[in-house]
C-alpha atoms as a PDB file:
ATOM      1  CA  UNK A   1      -5.701  -3.428  15.499  1.00  0.00           C
ATOM      2  CA  UNK A   2      -2.450  -1.680  16.162  1.00  0.00           C
ATOM      3  CA  UNK A   3      -2.323   1.794  14.818  1.00  0.00           C
ATOM      4  CA  UNK A   4       1.325   2.594  12.850  1.00  0.00           C
ATOM      5  CA  UNK A   5       2.602   6.361  12.516  1.00  0.00           C
ATOM      6  CA  UNK A   6       5.294   7.620  10.121  1.00  0.00           C
ATOM      7  CA  UNK A   7       7.877   7.072  12.647  1.00  0.00           C
ATOM      8  CA  UNK A   8       7.560   3.470  12.275  1.00  0.00           C
ATOM      9  CA  UNK A   9       8.982   3.941   8.771  1.00  0.00           C
ATOM     10  CA  UNK A  10      11.755   5.048   6.951  1.00  0.00           C
ATOM     11  CA  UNK A  11      11.398   8.599   5.631  1.00  0.00           C
ATOM     12  CA  UNK A  12      13.969   8.263   3.524  1.00  0.00           C
ATOM     13  CA  UNK A  13      12.651   5.003   2.468  1.00  0.00           C
ATOM     14  CA  UNK A  14       8.821   6.768   1.598  1.00  0.00           C
ATOM     15  CA  UNK A  15      10.642   9.736   0.292  1.00  0.00           C
ATOM     16  CA  UNK A  16      11.961   6.814  -2.583  1.00  0.00           C
ATOM     17  CA  UNK A  17       8.927   5.309  -3.541  1.00  0.00           C
ATOM     18  CA  UNK A  18       7.626   8.356  -3.939  1.00  0.00           C
ATOM     19  CA  UNK A  19      10.435  10.308  -5.556  1.00  0.00           C
ATOM     20  CA  UNK A  20      10.751   7.174  -8.087  1.00  0.00           C
ATOM     21  CA  UNK A  21       7.387   6.732  -9.035  1.00  0.00           C
ATOM     22  CA  UNK A  22       6.242  10.457  -8.724  1.00  0.00           C
ATOM     23  CA  UNK A  23       3.145   9.319  -6.569  1.00  0.00           C
ATOM     24  CA  UNK A  24       2.313  11.290  -2.723  1.00  0.00           C
ATOM     25  CA  UNK A  25       4.236  10.860   0.428  1.00  0.00           C
ATOM     26  CA  UNK A  26       1.202   9.783   1.434  1.00  0.00           C
ATOM     27  CA  UNK A  27       0.333   6.459  -0.814  1.00  0.00           C
ATOM     28  CA  UNK A  28       3.890   5.641  -0.601  1.00  0.00           C
ATOM     29  CA  UNK A  29       3.537   5.767   3.023  1.00  0.00           C
ATOM     30  CA  UNK A  30       0.912   2.855   2.656  1.00  0.00           C
ATOM     31  CA  UNK A  31       3.994   1.031   0.301  1.00  0.00           C
ATOM     32  CA  UNK A  32       6.219   0.644   2.454  1.00  0.00           C
ATOM     33  CA  UNK A  33       5.064   0.037   5.137  1.00  0.00           C
ATOM     34  CA  UNK A  34       3.635  -2.831   3.880  1.00  0.00           C
ATOM     35  CA  UNK A  35       6.636  -3.660   2.421  1.00  0.00           C
ATOM     36  CA  UNK A  36       7.792  -3.392   6.162  1.00  0.00           C
ATOM     37  CA  UNK A  37       5.024  -5.446   7.596  1.00  0.00           C
ATOM     38  CA  UNK A  38       4.693  -8.145   4.971  1.00  0.00           C
ATOM     39  CA  UNK A  39       0.794  -7.610   4.226  1.00  0.00           C
ATOM     40  CA  UNK A  40      -1.158  -6.980   1.447  1.00  0.00           C
ATOM     41  CA  UNK A  41      -3.283  -3.809   0.458  1.00  0.00           C
ATOM     42  CA  UNK A  42      -6.842  -3.102   0.437  1.00  0.00           C
ATOM     43  CA  UNK A  43      -6.914   0.340  -2.492  1.00  0.00           C
ATOM     44  CA  UNK A  44      -9.052   1.850  -5.354  1.00  0.00           C
ATOM     45  CA  UNK A  45      -6.212   4.262  -5.646  1.00  0.00           C
ATOM     46  CA  UNK A  46      -4.703   4.034  -8.978  1.00  0.00           C
ATOM     47  CA  UNK A  47      -1.126   5.218  -7.881  1.00  0.00           C
ATOM     48  CA  UNK A  48      -0.978   2.598  -5.363  1.00  0.00           C
ATOM     49  CA  UNK A  49      -2.453  -0.294  -7.986  1.00  0.00           C
ATOM     50  CA  UNK A  50       0.126   0.571 -10.414  1.00  0.00           C
ATOM     51  CA  UNK A  51       2.993   1.046  -7.790  1.00  0.00           C
ATOM     52  CA  UNK A  52       2.576  -1.391  -5.056  1.00  0.00           C
ATOM     53  CA  UNK A  53       3.406  -4.361  -6.838  1.00  0.00           C
ATOM     54  CA  UNK A  54       6.843  -3.420  -8.291  1.00  0.00           C
ATOM     55  CA  UNK A  55       7.921  -3.515  -4.539  1.00  0.00           C
ATOM     56  CA  UNK A  56       6.779  -6.845  -4.345  1.00  0.00           C
ATOM     57  CA  UNK A  57       2.960  -5.845  -2.709  1.00  0.00           C
ATOM     58  CA  UNK A  58      -0.106  -7.248  -3.573  1.00  0.00           C
ATOM     59  CA  UNK A  59      -3.187  -4.744  -3.736  1.00  0.00           C
ATOM     60  CA  UNK A  60      -6.696  -6.172  -3.434  1.00  0.00           C
ATOM     61  CA  UNK A  61      -9.190  -3.612  -4.923  1.00  0.00           C
ATOM     62  CA  UNK A  62     -12.216  -2.969  -1.824  1.00  0.00           C
ATOM     63  CA  UNK A  63     -14.336  -4.948  -4.207  1.00  0.00           C
ATOM     64  CA  UNK A  64     -12.385  -7.873  -4.493  1.00  0.00           C
ATOM     65  CA  UNK A  65     -11.967  -7.693  -0.383  1.00  0.00           C
ATOM     66  CA  UNK A  66     -16.034  -7.449  -0.053  1.00  0.00           C
ATOM     67  CA  UNK A  67     -16.488 -10.195  -2.435  1.00  0.00           C
ATOM     68  CA  UNK A  68     -13.634 -12.208  -0.186  1.00  0.00           C
ATOM     69  CA  UNK A  69     -15.662 -11.428   2.859  1.00  0.00           C
ATOM     70  CA  UNK A  70     -19.453 -11.852   1.014  1.00  0.00           C
ATOM     71  CA  UNK A  71     -18.805 -14.962  -0.544  1.00  0.00           C
ATOM     72  CA  UNK A  72     -20.628 -12.733  -4.112  1.00  0.00           C
ATOM     73  CA  UNK A  73     -19.243 -13.186  -7.269  1.00  0.00           C
END
């Protein structure tokens, strides 16, 4: 596991995502980090679910993620 801090991101990019989409800096930072890492996000947060795909980020709902690991449908 690697821990990332806000210092690993361009704060200007995070602010731009937050302002353009009227979401919190906190939510925007997840989206910005996923962009940098070219990673998917797992979330139930409506702002992340709605905004992340605009930036090419796939978002997996937590139940779907759980189902992938347990084999449930």
